[in-house]
Amino acid sequence: MTDAAAQEAAPGRRARVVLVDDHRMFRTGVRAEIGRTDETGIDVVGEADDVESAVRVVAETRPDVVLLDVHLPGGGGVEVLRRSAGVEGVRFLALSVSDAAEDVIGVIRGGARGYVTKTITGTDLVNAVFRIADGDAVFSPRLAGFVLDAFAATDTPPVDEDLDRLTQREREVLRLIARGYAYKEIAKQLFISVKTVESHVSAVLRKLQLSNRHELTRWATARRLV
């Protein structure tokens, strides 16, 4: 953490944080980056890797802020928000690799106070945590527009039955494939193996009845998912 980051945390100020993400290495990295309490003012008081453990840890520790991944085993970040709604004083900041409008809107409707992507710097994440703790809303650049557009709209968007056949992880892989990412790049981005990426791509092609990644890209582009 830089000197600037340390200066952002007011002397003596503290924020108790829980990390919820299904990738242990990512949680370890976030804890190492922002969890040096003497420098950042952030005290990581718990971790969880799925919905069940997240709900339990949030209830037990009652942190100031929960850094919440959108896609989790057991129902996703929205399910954590729903089941933690009765825990007073806890605010949620989504921290995800996904920058898809539907993911952003989903967790904000579920009760999260903000949404930042995993490209955020440690310094900015520390600042975001304290802003969320203070009751502000925090978004990565351009994501706020999704929320404004969604809540300004008077009509409910139509259901896309084809898209609904895909799991959240399959949708992530779909978008990255459509953006031209290689399998190795997707694996690194999502913290999964190349073999797992290949399995997800095969499932997507089968469910959408497409033949190759070029057709998949056209399909995603037509639905403005890229």
C-alpha atoms as a PDB file:
ATOM      1  CA  MET A   1       0.000   0.000   0.000  1.00  0.00           C
ATOM      2  CA  THR A   2       1.334   3.436  -0.911  1.00  0.00           C
ATOM      3  CA  ASP A   3       1.839   6.362   1.434  1.00  0.00           C
ATOM      4  CA  ALA A   4      -1.103   8.044  -0.273  1.00  0.00           C
ATOM      5  CA  ALA A   5      -3.337   5.127   0.645  1.00  0.00           C
ATOM      6  CA  ALA A   6      -2.221   5.301   4.247  1.00  0.00           C
ATOM      7  CA  GLN A   7      -2.942   9.012   4.336  1.00  0.00           C
ATOM      8  CA  GLU A   8      -6.483   8.434   3.022  1.00  0.00           C
ATOM      9  CA  ALA A   9      -7.328   6.487   6.156  1.00  0.00           C
ATOM     10  CA  ALA A  10      -7.913   9.099   8.830  1.00  0.00           C
ATOM     11  CA  PRO A  11      -5.816   8.581  11.974  1.00  0.00           C
ATOM     12  CA  GLY A  12      -7.566   6.174  14.303  1.00  0.00           C
ATOM     13  CA  ARG A  13     -10.337   5.417  11.826  1.00  0.00           C
ATOM     14  CA  ARG A  14     -11.262   1.770  11.346  1.00  0.00           C
ATOM     15  CA  ALA A  15     -13.586  -0.239   9.130  1.00  0.00           C
ATOM     16  CA  ARG A  16     -14.357  -3.887   9.806  1.00  0.00           C
ATOM     17  CA  VAL A  17     -14.592  -5.825   6.533  1.00  0.00           C
ATOM     18  CA  VAL A  18     -15.646  -9.310   5.427  1.00  0.00           C
ATOM     19  CA  LEU A  19     -14.347 -10.721   2.115  1.00  0.00           C
ATOM     20  CA  VAL A  20     -16.744 -12.924   0.146  1.00  0.00           C
ATOM     21  CA  ASP A  21     -15.275 -14.557  -2.954  1.00  0.00           C
ATOM     22  CA  ASP A  22     -15.047 -18.168  -4.081  1.00  0.00           C
ATOM     23  CA  HIS A  23     -11.393 -17.853  -5.095  1.00  0.00           C
ATOM     24  CA  ARG A  24      -9.095 -18.247  -2.113  1.00  0.00           C
ATOM     25  CA  MET A  25      -6.078 -16.746  -3.892  1.00  0.00           C
ATOM     26  CA  PHE A  26      -8.057 -13.621  -4.711  1.00  0.00           C
ATOM     27  CA  ARG A  27      -9.191 -13.237  -1.110  1.00  0.00           C
ATOM     28  CA  THR A  28      -5.597 -13.682   0.024  1.00  0.00           C
ATOM     29  CA  GLY A  29      -4.475 -10.959  -2.375  1.00  0.00           C
ATOM     30  CA  VAL A  30      -7.156  -8.506  -1.250  1.00  0.00           C
ATOM     31  CA  ARG A  31      -6.379  -9.168   2.411  1.00  0.00           C
ATOM     32  CA  ALA A  32      -2.663  -8.573   1.772  1.00  0.00           C
ATOM     33  CA  GLU A  33      -3.398  -5.376  -0.160  1.00  0.00           C
ATOM     34  CA  ILE A  34      -5.910  -3.638   2.073  1.00  0.00           C
ATOM     35  CA  GLY A  35      -5.864  -5.568   5.355  1.00  0.00           C
ATOM     36  CA  ARG A  36      -2.779  -3.978   6.921  1.00  0.00           C
ATOM     37  CA  THR A  37      -4.831  -2.234   9.557  1.00  0.00           C
ATOM     38  CA  ASP A  38      -2.123   0.111  10.859  1.00  0.00           C
ATOM     39  CA  GLU A  39      -1.681   1.547   7.359  1.00  0.00           C
ATOM     40  CA  THR A  40      -5.150   1.363   5.840  1.00  0.00           C
ATOM     41  CA  GLY A  41      -7.499   1.358   8.814  1.00  0.00           C
ATOM     42  CA  ILE A  42      -9.188  -1.758   7.471  1.00  0.00           C
ATOM     43  CA  ASP A  43      -9.572  -4.815   9.669  1.00  0.00           C
ATOM     44  CA  VAL A  44     -10.539  -7.963   7.743  1.00  0.00           C
ATOM     45  CA  VAL A  45     -12.654  -9.827  10.297  1.00  0.00           C
ATOM     46  CA  GLY A  46     -13.877 -12.723   8.181  1.00  0.00           C
ATOM     47  CA  GLU A  47     -13.926 -14.513   4.844  1.00  0.00           C
ATOM     48  CA  ALA A  48     -16.383 -16.731   2.972  1.00  0.00           C
ATOM     49  CA  ASP A  49     -16.384 -18.646  -0.293  1.00  0.00           C
ATOM     50  CA  ASP A  50     -20.061 -19.442  -0.879  1.00  0.00           C
ATOM     51  CA  VAL A  51     -23.524 -18.205   0.005  1.00  0.00           C
ATOM     52  CA  GLU A  52     -23.982 -20.325   3.124  1.00  0.00           C
ATOM     53  CA  SER A  53     -20.653 -19.388   4.703  1.00  0.00           C
ATOM     54  CA  ALA A  54     -21.118 -15.729   3.708  1.00  0.00           C
ATOM     55  CA  VAL A  55     -24.512 -15.467   5.411  1.00  0.00           C
ATOM     56  CA  ARG A  56     -23.103 -17.113   8.531  1.00  0.00           C
ATOM     57  CA  VAL A  57     -19.948 -14.970   8.728  1.00  0.00           C
ATOM     58  CA  VAL A  58     -21.839 -11.724   8.126  1.00  0.00           C
ATOM     59  CA  ALA A  59     -24.304 -12.565  10.906  1.00  0.00           C
ATOM     60  CA  GLU A  60     -21.533 -13.585  13.311  1.00  0.00           C
ATOM     61  CA  THR A  61     -19.124 -10.696  12.721  1.00  0.00           C
ATOM     62  CA  ARG A  62     -21.531  -7.858  11.751  1.00  0.00           C
ATOM     63  CA  PRO A  63     -18.872  -5.965   9.772  1.00  0.00           C
ATOM     64  CA  ASP A  64     -19.144  -2.394   8.561  1.00  0.00           C
ATOM     65  CA  VAL A  65     -18.669  -3.423   4.921  1.00  0.00           C
ATOM     66  CA  VAL A  66     -18.860  -6.696   3.014  1.00  0.00           C
ATOM     67  CA  LEU A  67     -16.836  -6.958  -0.199  1.00  0.00           C
ATOM     68  CA  LEU A  68     -19.116  -9.276  -2.153  1.00  0.00           C
ATOM     69  CA  ASP A  69     -18.455 -11.208  -5.349  1.00  0.00           C
ATOM     70  CA  VAL A  70     -21.461 -11.397  -7.664  1.00  0.00           C
ATOM     71  CA  HIS A  71     -21.075 -15.041  -8.676  1.00  0.00           C
ATOM     72  CA  LEU A  72     -20.870 -17.501  -5.807  1.00  0.00           C
ATOM     73  CA  PRO A  73     -21.747 -21.156  -5.267  1.00  0.00           C
ATOM     74  CA  GLY A  74     -25.162 -21.495  -3.678  1.00  0.00           C
ATOM     75  CA  GLY A  75     -27.059 -18.684  -5.379  1.00  0.00           C
ATOM     76  CA  GLY A  76     -24.731 -15.738  -5.978  1.00  0.00           C
ATOM     77  CA  GLY A  77     -24.260 -12.363  -4.341  1.00  0.00           C
ATOM     78  CA  VAL A  78     -27.933 -11.470  -4.657  1.00  0.00           C
ATOM     79  CA  GLU A  79     -28.822 -14.446  -2.441  1.00  0.00           C
ATOM     80  CA  VAL A  80     -26.313 -13.284   0.194  1.00  0.00           C
ATOM     81  CA  LEU A  81     -27.921  -9.850   0.129  1.00  0.00           C
ATOM     82  CA  ARG A  82     -31.408 -11.292   0.463  1.00  0.00           C
ATOM     83  CA  ARG A  83     -30.540 -13.540   3.382  1.00  0.00           C
ATOM     84  CA  SER A  84     -28.478 -10.877   5.162  1.00  0.00           C
ATOM     85  CA  ALA A  85     -31.093  -8.159   4.915  1.00  0.00           C
ATOM     86  CA  GLY A  86     -31.940  -8.469   8.594  1.00  0.00           C
ATOM     87  CA  VAL A  87     -28.380  -7.850   9.810  1.00  0.00           C
ATOM     88  CA  GLU A  88     -28.378  -4.200  10.863  1.00  0.00           C
ATOM     89  CA  GLY A  89     -25.506  -1.827  10.206  1.00  0.00           C
ATOM     90  CA  VAL A  90     -23.875  -3.863   7.429  1.00  0.00           C
ATOM     91  CA  ARG A  91     -23.304  -2.343   3.998  1.00  0.00           C
ATOM     92  CA  PHE A  92     -22.332  -4.261   0.872  1.00  0.00           C
ATOM     93  CA  LEU A  93     -19.923  -3.322  -1.915  1.00  0.00           C
ATOM     94  CA  ALA A  94     -19.899  -5.667  -4.909  1.00  0.00           C
ATOM     95  CA  LEU A  95     -16.367  -6.520  -6.079  1.00  0.00           C
ATOM     96  CA  SER A  96     -16.490  -8.569  -9.262  1.00  0.00           C
ATOM     97  CA  VAL A  97     -14.677  -9.379 -12.480  1.00  0.00           C
ATOM     98  CA  SER A  98     -17.970  -8.843 -14.304  1.00  0.00           C
ATOM     99  CA  ASP A  99     -18.916  -5.440 -15.674  1.00  0.00           C
ATOM    100  CA  ALA A 100     -22.184  -6.647 -17.203  1.00  0.00           C
ATOM    101  CA  ALA A 101     -25.185  -4.374 -16.773  1.00  0.00           C
ATOM    102  CA  GLU A 102     -27.432  -7.194 -15.543  1.00  0.00           C
ATOM    103  CA  ASP A 103     -24.972  -8.102 -12.771  1.00  0.00           C
ATOM    104  CA  VAL A 104     -24.594  -4.496 -11.653  1.00  0.00           C
ATOM    105  CA  ILE A 105     -28.329  -3.863 -11.646  1.00  0.00           C
ATOM    106  CA  GLY A 106     -29.088  -7.172  -9.940  1.00  0.00           C
ATOM    107  CA  VAL A 107     -26.950  -6.577  -6.847  1.00  0.00           C
ATOM    108  CA  ILE A 108     -27.933  -2.912  -6.564  1.00  0.00           C
ATOM    109  CA  ARG A 109     -31.599  -3.900  -6.628  1.00  0.00           C
ATOM    110  CA  GLY A 110     -30.666  -6.502  -4.028  1.00  0.00           C
ATOM    111  CA  GLY A 111     -29.334  -3.866  -1.661  1.00  0.00           C
ATOM    112  CA  ALA A 112     -25.621  -3.330  -2.406  1.00  0.00           C
ATOM    113  CA  ARG A 113     -24.402   0.275  -2.013  1.00  0.00           C
ATOM    114  CA  GLY A 114     -21.913   0.098  -4.851  1.00  0.00           C
ATOM    115  CA  TYR A 115     -20.154  -1.987  -7.471  1.00  0.00           C
ATOM    116  CA  VAL A 116     -16.486  -1.974  -8.448  1.00  0.00           C
ATOM    117  CA  THR A 117     -14.568  -4.318 -10.718  1.00  0.00           C
ATOM    118  CA  LYS A 118     -11.492  -6.314  -9.775  1.00  0.00           C
ATOM    119  CA  THR A 119      -9.287  -3.993 -11.818  1.00  0.00           C
ATOM    120  CA  ILE A 120      -9.571  -1.456  -8.986  1.00  0.00           C
ATOM    121  CA  THR A 121      -6.339  -0.459  -7.252  1.00  0.00           C
ATOM    122  CA  GLY A 122      -5.712  -1.145  -3.583  1.00  0.00           C
ATOM    123  CA  THR A 123      -5.758   2.570  -2.811  1.00  0.00           C
ATOM    124  CA  ASP A 124      -9.099   3.090  -4.531  1.00  0.00           C
ATOM    125  CA  LEU A 125     -10.569   0.026  -2.849  1.00  0.00           C
ATOM    126  CA  VAL A 126      -9.610   1.331   0.585  1.00  0.00           C
ATOM    127  CA  ASN A 127     -11.255   4.650  -0.243  1.00  0.00           C
ATOM    128  CA  ALA A 128     -14.340   2.847  -1.576  1.00  0.00           C
ATOM    129  CA  VAL A 129     -14.705   0.831   1.629  1.00  0.00           C
ATOM    130  CA  PHE A 130     -14.709   3.965   3.795  1.00  0.00           C
ATOM    131  CA  ARG A 131     -17.139   5.738   1.474  1.00  0.00           C
ATOM    132  CA  ILE A 132     -19.523   2.781   1.606  1.00  0.00           C
ATOM    133  CA  ALA A 133     -19.163   2.676   5.403  1.00  0.00           C
ATOM    134  CA  ASP A 134     -20.184   6.344   5.432  1.00  0.00           C
ATOM    135  CA  GLY A 135     -23.300   5.582   3.408  1.00  0.00           C
ATOM    136  CA  ASP A 136     -22.094   6.811   0.014  1.00  0.00           C
ATOM    137  CA  ALA A 137     -22.599   4.923  -3.247  1.00  0.00           C
ATOM    138  CA  VAL A 138     -19.466   3.899  -5.155  1.00  0.00           C
ATOM    139  CA  PHE A 139     -19.167   2.642  -8.730  1.00  0.00           C
ATOM    140  CA  SER A 140     -16.354   1.923 -11.140  1.00  0.00           C
ATOM    141  CA  PRO A 141     -16.363   4.286 -14.142  1.00  0.00           C
ATOM    142  CA  ARG A 142     -19.346   3.772 -16.504  1.00  0.00           C
ATOM    143  CA  LEU A 143     -21.134   1.276 -14.241  1.00  0.00           C
ATOM    144  CA  ALA A 144     -23.195   3.991 -12.578  1.00  0.00           C
ATOM    145  CA  GLY A 145     -24.823   4.625 -15.959  1.00  0.00           C
ATOM    146  CA  PHE A 146     -26.264   1.114 -15.955  1.00  0.00           C
ATOM    147  CA  VAL A 147     -27.992   1.782 -12.653  1.00  0.00           C
ATOM    148  CA  LEU A 148     -29.310   5.194 -13.674  1.00  0.00           C
ATOM    149  CA  ASP A 149     -30.673   3.795 -16.922  1.00  0.00           C
ATOM    150  CA  ALA A 150     -32.279   0.833 -15.165  1.00  0.00           C
ATOM    151  CA  PHE A 151     -34.051   2.853 -12.507  1.00  0.00           C
ATOM    152  CA  ALA A 152     -35.087   5.530 -14.984  1.00  0.00           C
ATOM    153  CA  ALA A 153     -36.711   2.959 -17.254  1.00  0.00           C
ATOM    154  CA  THR A 154     -40.454   2.581 -16.900  1.00  0.00           C
ATOM    155  CA  ASP A 155     -40.755  -0.708 -18.740  1.00  0.00           C
ATOM    156  CA  THR A 156     -39.504  -4.051 -17.478  1.00  0.00           C
ATOM    157  CA  PRO A 157     -36.943  -5.473 -19.929  1.00  0.00           C
ATOM    158  CA  PRO A 158     -38.149  -8.547 -21.813  1.00  0.00           C
ATOM    159  CA  VAL A 159     -37.018 -11.952 -20.626  1.00  0.00           C
ATOM    160  CA  ASP A 160     -34.373 -13.531 -22.851  1.00  0.00           C
ATOM    161  CA  GLU A 161     -35.130 -17.238 -22.602  1.00  0.00           C
ATOM    162  CA  ASP A 162     -31.932 -18.219 -24.416  1.00  0.00           C
ATOM    163  CA  LEU A 163     -29.755 -16.205 -22.046  1.00  0.00           C
ATOM    164  CA  ASP A 164     -31.639 -17.553 -19.045  1.00  0.00           C
ATOM    165  CA  ARG A 165     -30.485 -21.065 -19.940  1.00  0.00           C
ATOM    166  CA  LEU A 166     -26.914 -20.086 -19.073  1.00  0.00           C
ATOM    167  CA  THR A 167     -25.424 -20.075 -15.597  1.00  0.00           C
ATOM    168  CA  GLN A 168     -23.783 -16.910 -14.289  1.00  0.00           C
ATOM    169  CA  ARG A 169     -20.317 -18.356 -14.929  1.00  0.00           C
ATOM    170  CA  GLU A 170     -21.267 -19.374 -18.473  1.00  0.00           C
ATOM    171  CA  ARG A 171     -22.417 -15.808 -19.113  1.00  0.00           C
ATOM    172  CA  GLU A 172     -19.061 -14.478 -17.914  1.00  0.00           C
ATOM    173  CA  VAL A 173     -17.205 -16.812 -20.261  1.00  0.00           C
ATOM    174  CA  LEU A 174     -19.582 -15.947 -23.090  1.00  0.00           C
ATOM    175  CA  ARG A 175     -18.874 -12.233 -22.775  1.00  0.00           C
ATOM    176  CA  LEU A 176     -15.117 -12.682 -22.637  1.00  0.00           C
ATOM    177  CA  ILE A 177     -15.143 -15.004 -25.645  1.00  0.00           C
ATOM    178  CA  ALA A 178     -17.247 -12.466 -27.544  1.00  0.00           C
ATOM    179  CA  ARG A 179     -14.716  -9.758 -26.657  1.00  0.00           C
ATOM    180  CA  GLY A 180     -11.960 -11.775 -28.289  1.00  0.00           C
ATOM    181  CA  TYR A 181     -10.192 -13.166 -25.221  1.00  0.00           C
ATOM    182  CA  ALA A 182      -8.190 -16.382 -25.640  1.00  0.00           C
ATOM    183  CA  TYR A 183      -8.958 -19.323 -23.371  1.00  0.00           C
ATOM    184  CA  LYS A 184      -5.781 -18.733 -21.340  1.00  0.00           C
ATOM    185  CA  GLU A 185      -6.696 -15.081 -20.833  1.00  0.00           C
ATOM    186  CA  ILE A 186     -10.213 -16.019 -19.701  1.00  0.00           C
ATOM    187  CA  ALA A 187      -8.828 -18.585 -17.286  1.00  0.00           C
ATOM    188  CA  LYS A 188      -6.544 -15.963 -15.750  1.00  0.00           C
ATOM    189  CA  GLN A 189      -9.303 -13.357 -15.595  1.00  0.00           C
ATOM    190  CA  LEU A 190     -11.791 -15.681 -13.880  1.00  0.00           C
ATOM    191  CA  PHE A 191      -9.260 -17.583 -11.742  1.00  0.00           C
ATOM    192  CA  ILE A 192     -10.220 -20.929 -13.290  1.00  0.00           C
ATOM    193  CA  SER A 193      -8.378 -23.523 -15.382  1.00  0.00           C
ATOM    194  CA  VAL A 194      -8.230 -23.545 -19.183  1.00  0.00           C
ATOM    195  CA  LYS A 195      -9.992 -26.925 -19.111  1.00  0.00           C
ATOM    196  CA  THR A 196     -12.846 -25.377 -17.129  1.00  0.00           C
ATOM    197  CA  VAL A 197     -13.086 -22.550 -19.667  1.00  0.00           C
ATOM    198  CA  GLU A 198     -13.324 -25.118 -22.469  1.00  0.00           C
ATOM    199  CA  SER A 199     -16.093 -26.949 -20.604  1.00  0.00           C
ATOM    200  CA  HIS A 200     -18.060 -23.715 -20.141  1.00  0.00           C
ATOM    201  CA  VAL A 201     -17.674 -22.792 -23.817  1.00  0.00           C
ATOM    202  CA  SER A 202     -18.902 -26.245 -24.876  1.00  0.00           C
ATOM    203  CA  ALA A 203     -21.912 -25.893 -22.575  1.00  0.00           C
ATOM    204  CA  VAL A 204     -22.733 -22.433 -23.933  1.00  0.00           C
ATOM    205  CA  LEU A 205     -22.521 -23.595 -27.551  1.00  0.00           C
ATOM    206  CA  ARG A 206     -24.714 -26.603 -26.794  1.00  0.00           C
ATOM    207  CA  LYS A 207     -27.359 -24.623 -24.907  1.00  0.00           C
ATOM    208  CA  LEU A 208     -27.544 -21.890 -27.544  1.00  0.00           C
ATOM    209  CA  GLN A 209     -27.307 -24.378 -30.429  1.00  0.00           C
ATOM    210  CA  LEU A 210     -24.305 -22.596 -31.919  1.00  0.00           C
ATOM    211  CA  SER A 211     -21.386 -24.194 -33.768  1.00  0.00           C
ATOM    212  CA  ASN A 212     -18.324 -22.074 -32.962  1.00  0.00           C
ATOM    213  CA  ARG A 213     -17.025 -18.962 -31.201  1.00  0.00           C
ATOM    214  CA  HIS A 214     -17.668 -16.787 -34.270  1.00  0.00           C
ATOM    215  CA  GLU A 215     -21.390 -17.572 -34.137  1.00  0.00           C
ATOM    216  CA  LEU A 216     -21.256 -17.062 -30.394  1.00  0.00           C
ATOM    217  CA  THR A 217     -19.707 -13.614 -30.859  1.00  0.00           C
ATOM    218  CA  ARG A 218     -22.416 -12.597 -33.320  1.00  0.00           C
ATOM    219  CA  TRP A 219     -25.090 -13.892 -30.935  1.00  0.00           C
ATOM    220  CA  ALA A 220     -23.688 -11.908 -28.003  1.00  0.00           C
ATOM    221  CA  THR A 221     -23.202  -8.763 -30.089  1.00  0.00           C
ATOM    222  CA  ALA A 222     -26.785  -8.869 -31.320  1.00  0.00           C
ATOM    223  CA  ARG A 223     -27.945  -8.856 -27.690  1.00  0.00           C
ATOM    224  CA  ARG A 224     -25.509  -6.093 -26.709  1.00  0.00           C
ATOM    225  CA  LEU A 225     -23.757  -8.329 -24.209  1.00  0.00           C
ATOM    226  CA  VAL A 226     -20.250  -7.411 -25.357  1.00  0.00           C
END
